[in-house]
Amino acid sequence: MASAPILLLTGPPGSGKSTVARLVADRFDLAVCVESDWFWTTIVRGHVPPWLGEADAQNRTVLRTCSAAAAELAFGGYTVVMNGIFGPWHLDLVTDELRRQGGDVHYVVLRPSFEVALERATSRAPLTPGIAPLGDEDAIRLLWEKFQHLGPHERHVVDNGTQEPEQTAALVWTRFVNGTDRL
């Protein structure tokens, strides 16, 4: 059995990943939305903020785990929209895991201006009950800056700073079904 397609929807905090991911997934008959943020919330002791350099081993473990879950769901026939921070610095790790089951992987980077991302990130409600969203401006800026120069992945960028979530979802969905952002 072939795996269903997998969309990696990424970008800095406040780029609209979680909102757009659900809207895109809702366009398919069989679909799941895998929110990588949840996997970090399962660390009960020893959590290191993922944007810090010393979090690399933790981040690699969490991303492999999240990707393995997404790959299994795709192998089970579900179109998977996986959202989280999957920058080029860990993209191979994520795609290797997703492709173990023959996953057809697509990659979209949402990238609004810093001002838009900061406003969205600092004004949103918790995504997971009891876990506050990232509101640290320095961390948001650091992660936003990491998405500014993507080299060969620049072709996967969608500037959604002036779009409503439904408009962004329609564009991302079209690109997904057309294979525009296939890796």
C-alpha atoms as a PDB file:
ATOM      1  CA  MET A   1       0.000   0.000   0.000  1.00  0.00           C
ATOM      2  CA  ALA A   2       1.307   3.457  -0.897  1.00  0.00           C
ATOM      3  CA  SER A   3       1.379   6.189   1.713  1.00  0.00           C
ATOM      4  CA  ALA A   4      -0.901   9.193   1.460  1.00  0.00           C
ATOM      5  CA  PRO A   5       0.825  12.546   0.880  1.00  0.00           C
ATOM      6  CA  ILE A   6       2.351  14.536   3.711  1.00  0.00           C
ATOM      7  CA  LEU A   7       2.513  18.317   3.909  1.00  0.00           C
ATOM      8  CA  LEU A   8       5.096  19.893   6.180  1.00  0.00           C
ATOM      9  CA  LEU A   9       3.728  23.331   7.021  1.00  0.00           C
ATOM     10  CA  THR A  10       6.325  25.431   8.756  1.00  0.00           C
ATOM     11  CA  GLY A  11       7.400  28.959   9.545  1.00  0.00           C
ATOM     12  CA  PRO A  12       8.298  31.050  12.560  1.00  0.00           C
ATOM     13  CA  PRO A  13       6.023  31.462  15.584  1.00  0.00           C
ATOM     14  CA  GLY A  14       2.974  33.523  14.650  1.00  0.00           C
ATOM     15  CA  SER A  15       3.117  32.635  10.970  1.00  0.00           C
ATOM     16  CA  GLY A  16      -0.281  30.923  11.085  1.00  0.00           C
ATOM     17  CA  LYS A  17       0.847  27.292  10.877  1.00  0.00           C
ATOM     18  CA  SER A  18      -1.694  25.798  13.264  1.00  0.00           C
ATOM     19  CA  THR A  19      -4.663  27.701  11.867  1.00  0.00           C
ATOM     20  CA  VAL A  20      -3.791  27.079   8.215  1.00  0.00           C
ATOM     21  CA  ALA A  21      -2.893  23.415   8.814  1.00  0.00           C
ATOM     22  CA  ARG A  22      -6.375  22.640  10.131  1.00  0.00           C
ATOM     23  CA  LEU A  23      -8.027  24.505   7.259  1.00  0.00           C
ATOM     24  CA  VAL A  24      -5.946  22.602   4.682  1.00  0.00           C
ATOM     25  CA  ALA A  25      -6.509  19.208   6.339  1.00  0.00           C
ATOM     26  CA  ASP A  26     -10.242  19.852   6.416  1.00  0.00           C
ATOM     27  CA  ARG A  27     -10.292  19.878   2.587  1.00  0.00           C
ATOM     28  CA  PHE A  28      -9.577  16.128   2.382  1.00  0.00           C
ATOM     29  CA  ASP A  29     -11.863  13.156   3.051  1.00  0.00           C
ATOM     30  CA  LEU A  30      -9.290  11.331   5.181  1.00  0.00           C
ATOM     31  CA  ALA A  31      -6.847  13.684   6.856  1.00  0.00           C
ATOM     32  CA  VAL A  32      -5.052  14.356  10.098  1.00  0.00           C
ATOM     33  CA  CYS A  33      -3.320  17.402  11.452  1.00  0.00           C
ATOM     34  CA  VAL A  34      -0.168  16.512  13.388  1.00  0.00           C
ATOM     35  CA  GLU A  35       0.858  19.420  15.601  1.00  0.00           C
ATOM     36  CA  SER A  36       4.506  19.009  16.507  1.00  0.00           C
ATOM     37  CA  ASP A  37       4.127  21.494  19.386  1.00  0.00           C
ATOM     38  CA  TRP A  38       2.193  18.845  21.302  1.00  0.00           C
ATOM     39  CA  PHE A  39       5.196  16.506  21.328  1.00  0.00           C
ATOM     40  CA  TRP A  40       7.265  19.079  23.229  1.00  0.00           C
ATOM     41  CA  THR A  41       4.518  19.352  25.861  1.00  0.00           C
ATOM     42  CA  THR A  42       4.955  15.673  26.696  1.00  0.00           C
ATOM     43  CA  ILE A  43       8.407  16.309  28.186  1.00  0.00           C
ATOM     44  CA  VAL A  44       7.665  16.345  31.903  1.00  0.00           C
ATOM     45  CA  ARG A  45      11.198  16.812  33.232  1.00  0.00           C
ATOM     46  CA  GLY A  46      14.320  18.051  31.519  1.00  0.00           C
ATOM     47  CA  HIS A  47      12.663  20.226  28.876  1.00  0.00           C
ATOM     48  CA  VAL A  48      15.031  22.685  27.196  1.00  0.00           C
ATOM     49  CA  PRO A  49      13.477  25.581  25.258  1.00  0.00           C
ATOM     50  CA  PRO A  50      13.773  24.277  21.676  1.00  0.00           C
ATOM     51  CA  TRP A  51      15.250  27.479  20.234  1.00  0.00           C
ATOM     52  CA  LEU A  52      18.368  27.177  22.424  1.00  0.00           C
ATOM     53  CA  GLY A  53      21.491  25.511  21.048  1.00  0.00           C
ATOM     54  CA  GLU A  54      21.682  23.039  23.918  1.00  0.00           C
ATOM     55  CA  ALA A  55      18.253  21.665  22.894  1.00  0.00           C
ATOM     56  CA  ASP A  56      19.573  19.997  19.724  1.00  0.00           C
ATOM     57  CA  ALA A  57      19.509  16.389  21.007  1.00  0.00           C
ATOM     58  CA  GLN A  58      16.043  16.923  22.496  1.00  0.00           C
ATOM     59  CA  ASN A  59      14.788  18.551  19.293  1.00  0.00           C
ATOM     60  CA  ARG A  60      16.126  15.765  17.104  1.00  0.00           C
ATOM     61  CA  THR A  61      14.431  13.151  19.291  1.00  0.00           C
ATOM     62  CA  VAL A  62      11.109  14.978  19.356  1.00  0.00           C
ATOM     63  CA  LEU A  63      11.155  15.638  15.600  1.00  0.00           C
ATOM     64  CA  ARG A  64      11.944  11.993  14.800  1.00  0.00           C
ATOM     65  CA  THR A  65       9.099  10.888  17.075  1.00  0.00           C
ATOM     66  CA  CYS A  66       6.621  13.345  15.581  1.00  0.00           C
ATOM     67  CA  SER A  67       7.688  12.405  12.056  1.00  0.00           C
ATOM     68  CA  ALA A  68       7.368   8.674  12.775  1.00  0.00           C
ATOM     69  CA  ALA A  69       3.793   9.220  13.981  1.00  0.00           C
ATOM     70  CA  ALA A  70       2.976  11.245  10.857  1.00  0.00           C
ATOM     71  CA  ALA A  71       4.528   8.566   8.607  1.00  0.00           C
ATOM     72  CA  GLU A  72       2.401   5.857  10.208  1.00  0.00           C
ATOM     73  CA  LEU A  73      -0.758   7.919   9.737  1.00  0.00           C
ATOM     74  CA  ALA A  74       0.113   8.491   6.068  1.00  0.00           C
ATOM     75  CA  PHE A  75       0.825   4.780   5.627  1.00  0.00           C
ATOM     76  CA  GLY A  76      -2.642   4.164   7.074  1.00  0.00           C
ATOM     77  CA  GLY A  77      -4.162   6.214   4.248  1.00  0.00           C
ATOM     78  CA  TYR A  78      -4.568   9.602   5.900  1.00  0.00           C
ATOM     79  CA  THR A  79      -3.377  12.749   4.165  1.00  0.00           C
ATOM     80  CA  VAL A  80      -1.145  14.303   6.800  1.00  0.00           C
ATOM     81  CA  VAL A  81      -0.708  18.015   7.398  1.00  0.00           C
ATOM     82  CA  MET A  82       2.136  18.296   9.875  1.00  0.00           C
ATOM     83  CA  ASN A  83       2.776  21.720  11.342  1.00  0.00           C
ATOM     84  CA  GLY A  84       5.687  22.932  13.376  1.00  0.00           C
ATOM     85  CA  ILE A  85       9.105  24.469  13.076  1.00  0.00           C
ATOM     86  CA  PHE A  86      10.840  22.350  10.435  1.00  0.00           C
ATOM     87  CA  GLY A  87      13.584  24.615   9.173  1.00  0.00           C
ATOM     88  CA  PRO A  88      16.231  23.479   6.710  1.00  0.00           C
ATOM     89  CA  TRP A  89      18.516  22.806   9.691  1.00  0.00           C
ATOM     90  CA  HIS A  90      16.434  19.693  10.566  1.00  0.00           C
ATOM     91  CA  LEU A  91      14.567  19.078   7.320  1.00  0.00           C
ATOM     92  CA  ASP A  92      16.588  15.996   6.304  1.00  0.00           C
ATOM     93  CA  LEU A  93      15.968  14.385   9.688  1.00  0.00           C
ATOM     94  CA  VAL A  94      12.200  14.915   9.311  1.00  0.00           C
ATOM     95  CA  THR A  95      11.955  13.879   5.659  1.00  0.00           C
ATOM     96  CA  ASP A  96      14.087  10.758   6.170  1.00  0.00           C
ATOM     97  CA  GLU A  97      11.655   9.566   8.827  1.00  0.00           C
ATOM     98  CA  LEU A  98       8.608  10.445   6.717  1.00  0.00           C
ATOM     99  CA  ARG A  99       9.989   8.604   3.693  1.00  0.00           C
ATOM    100  CA  ARG A 100      10.619   5.341   5.582  1.00  0.00           C
ATOM    101  CA  GLN A 101       7.038   4.378   4.741  1.00  0.00           C
ATOM    102  CA  GLY A 102       7.259   5.797   1.210  1.00  0.00           C
ATOM    103  CA  GLY A 103       5.805   9.183   2.097  1.00  0.00           C
ATOM    104  CA  ASP A 104       5.271  11.758  -0.664  1.00  0.00           C
ATOM    105  CA  VAL A 105       6.537  14.850   1.184  1.00  0.00           C
ATOM    106  CA  HIS A 106       5.656  18.470   0.401  1.00  0.00           C
ATOM    107  CA  TYR A 107       7.096  21.536   2.134  1.00  0.00           C
ATOM    108  CA  VAL A 108       5.555  25.001   2.600  1.00  0.00           C
ATOM    109  CA  VAL A 109       7.042  27.837   4.647  1.00  0.00           C
ATOM    110  CA  LEU A 110       4.640  30.534   5.858  1.00  0.00           C
ATOM    111  CA  ARG A 111       6.582  33.752   6.274  1.00  0.00           C
ATOM    112  CA  PRO A 112       4.817  36.984   7.207  1.00  0.00           C
ATOM    113  CA  SER A 113       6.744  40.092   8.242  1.00  0.00           C
ATOM    114  CA  PHE A 114       8.281  40.097  11.714  1.00  0.00           C
ATOM    115  CA  GLU A 115       5.710  42.640  12.952  1.00  0.00           C
ATOM    116  CA  VAL A 116       2.812  40.436  11.830  1.00  0.00           C
ATOM    117  CA  ALA A 117       4.380  37.278  13.283  1.00  0.00           C
ATOM    118  CA  LEU A 118       5.104  39.004  16.593  1.00  0.00           C
ATOM    119  CA  GLU A 119       1.566  40.367  16.890  1.00  0.00           C
ATOM    120  CA  ARG A 120       0.033  36.974  16.107  1.00  0.00           C
ATOM    121  CA  ALA A 121       2.393  35.067  18.391  1.00  0.00           C
ATOM    122  CA  THR A 122       1.940  37.334  21.400  1.00  0.00           C
ATOM    123  CA  SER A 123      -1.831  37.698  21.125  1.00  0.00           C
ATOM    124  CA  ARG A 124      -2.934  34.111  20.595  1.00  0.00           C
ATOM    125  CA  ALA A 125      -4.584  31.777  23.044  1.00  0.00           C
ATOM    126  CA  PRO A 126      -2.813  28.614  24.203  1.00  0.00           C
ATOM    127  CA  LEU A 127      -2.820  25.863  21.588  1.00  0.00           C
ATOM    128  CA  THR A 128      -2.661  23.235  24.294  1.00  0.00           C
ATOM    129  CA  PRO A 129      -4.708  23.767  27.471  1.00  0.00           C
ATOM    130  CA  GLY A 130      -2.495  24.880  30.332  1.00  0.00           C
ATOM    131  CA  ILE A 131       0.545  25.587  28.126  1.00  0.00           C
ATOM    132  CA  ALA A 132       1.133  29.240  27.346  1.00  0.00           C
ATOM    133  CA  PRO A 133       2.105  30.078  23.766  1.00  0.00           C
ATOM    134  CA  LEU A 134       5.579  31.424  23.086  1.00  0.00           C
ATOM    135  CA  GLY A 135       5.487  35.123  23.935  1.00  0.00           C
ATOM    136  CA  ASP A 136       9.197  35.861  24.318  1.00  0.00           C
ATOM    137  CA  GLU A 137       9.982  38.516  21.694  1.00  0.00           C
ATOM    138  CA  ASP A 138      13.678  37.584  21.532  1.00  0.00           C
ATOM    139  CA  ALA A 139      12.864  33.916  20.875  1.00  0.00           C
ATOM    140  CA  ILE A 140      10.251  34.848  18.275  1.00  0.00           C
ATOM    141  CA  ARG A 141      12.750  37.157  16.530  1.00  0.00           C
ATOM    142  CA  LEU A 142      15.462  34.475  16.586  1.00  0.00           C
ATOM    143  CA  LEU A 143      13.169  31.902  15.007  1.00  0.00           C
ATOM    144  CA  TRP A 144      11.760  34.420  12.506  1.00  0.00           C
ATOM    145  CA  GLU A 145      15.309  35.317  11.427  1.00  0.00           C
ATOM    146  CA  LYS A 146      16.180  31.642  10.908  1.00  0.00           C
ATOM    147  CA  PHE A 147      13.481  31.490   8.218  1.00  0.00           C
ATOM    148  CA  GLN A 148      14.715  34.534   6.284  1.00  0.00           C
ATOM    149  CA  HIS A 149      17.400  33.003   4.071  1.00  0.00           C
ATOM    150  CA  LEU A 150      16.386  29.517   3.010  1.00  0.00           C
ATOM    151  CA  GLY A 151      18.603  29.077  -0.033  1.00  0.00           C
ATOM    152  CA  PRO A 152      17.137  26.383  -2.291  1.00  0.00           C
ATOM    153  CA  HIS A 153      14.033  26.176  -0.090  1.00  0.00           C
ATOM    154  CA  GLU A 154      13.106  29.781  -0.806  1.00  0.00           C
ATOM    155  CA  ARG A 155      10.770  28.490  -3.549  1.00  0.00           C
ATOM    156  CA  HIS A 156       8.553  26.994  -0.841  1.00  0.00           C
ATOM    157  CA  VAL A 157       7.835  30.358   0.851  1.00  0.00           C
ATOM    158  CA  VAL A 158       4.333  31.831   1.040  1.00  0.00           C
ATOM    159  CA  ASP A 159       4.138  35.410   2.320  1.00  0.00           C
ATOM    160  CA  ASN A 160       0.858  35.338   4.192  1.00  0.00           C
ATOM    161  CA  GLY A 161       1.259  38.584   6.112  1.00  0.00           C
ATOM    162  CA  THR A 162      -1.724  40.298   4.478  1.00  0.00           C
ATOM    163  CA  GLN A 163      -3.892  37.240   3.847  1.00  0.00           C
ATOM    164  CA  GLU A 164      -6.764  35.878   5.870  1.00  0.00           C
ATOM    165  CA  PRO A 165      -6.196  32.276   7.030  1.00  0.00           C
ATOM    166  CA  GLU A 166      -8.770  30.946   4.534  1.00  0.00           C
ATOM    167  CA  GLN A 167      -6.903  32.639   1.657  1.00  0.00           C
ATOM    168  CA  THR A 168      -3.596  31.180   2.782  1.00  0.00           C
ATOM    169  CA  ALA A 169      -5.160  27.730   3.206  1.00  0.00           C
ATOM    170  CA  ALA A 170      -6.614  27.879  -0.314  1.00  0.00           C
ATOM    171  CA  LEU A 171      -3.199  28.796  -1.756  1.00  0.00           C
ATOM    172  CA  VAL A 172      -1.354  26.141   0.271  1.00  0.00           C
ATOM    173  CA  TRP A 173      -3.943  23.486  -0.657  1.00  0.00           C
ATOM    174  CA  THR A 174      -3.653  24.335  -4.354  1.00  0.00           C
ATOM    175  CA  ARG A 175       0.131  24.143  -4.216  1.00  0.00           C
ATOM    176  CA  PHE A 176      -0.121  20.833  -2.323  1.00  0.00           C
ATOM    177  CA  VAL A 177      -2.482  19.081  -4.730  1.00  0.00           C
ATOM    178  CA  ASN A 178      -0.558  20.447  -7.746  1.00  0.00           C
ATOM    179  CA  GLY A 179       2.745  19.167  -6.338  1.00  0.00           C
ATOM    180  CA  THR A 180       4.343  22.618  -6.464  1.00  0.00           C
ATOM    181  CA  ASP A 181       6.174  22.123  -3.159  1.00  0.00           C
ATOM    182  CA  ARG A 182       7.071  18.439  -3.428  1.00  0.00           C
ATOM    183  CA  LEU A 183      10.510  17.666  -2.018  1.00  0.00           C
END
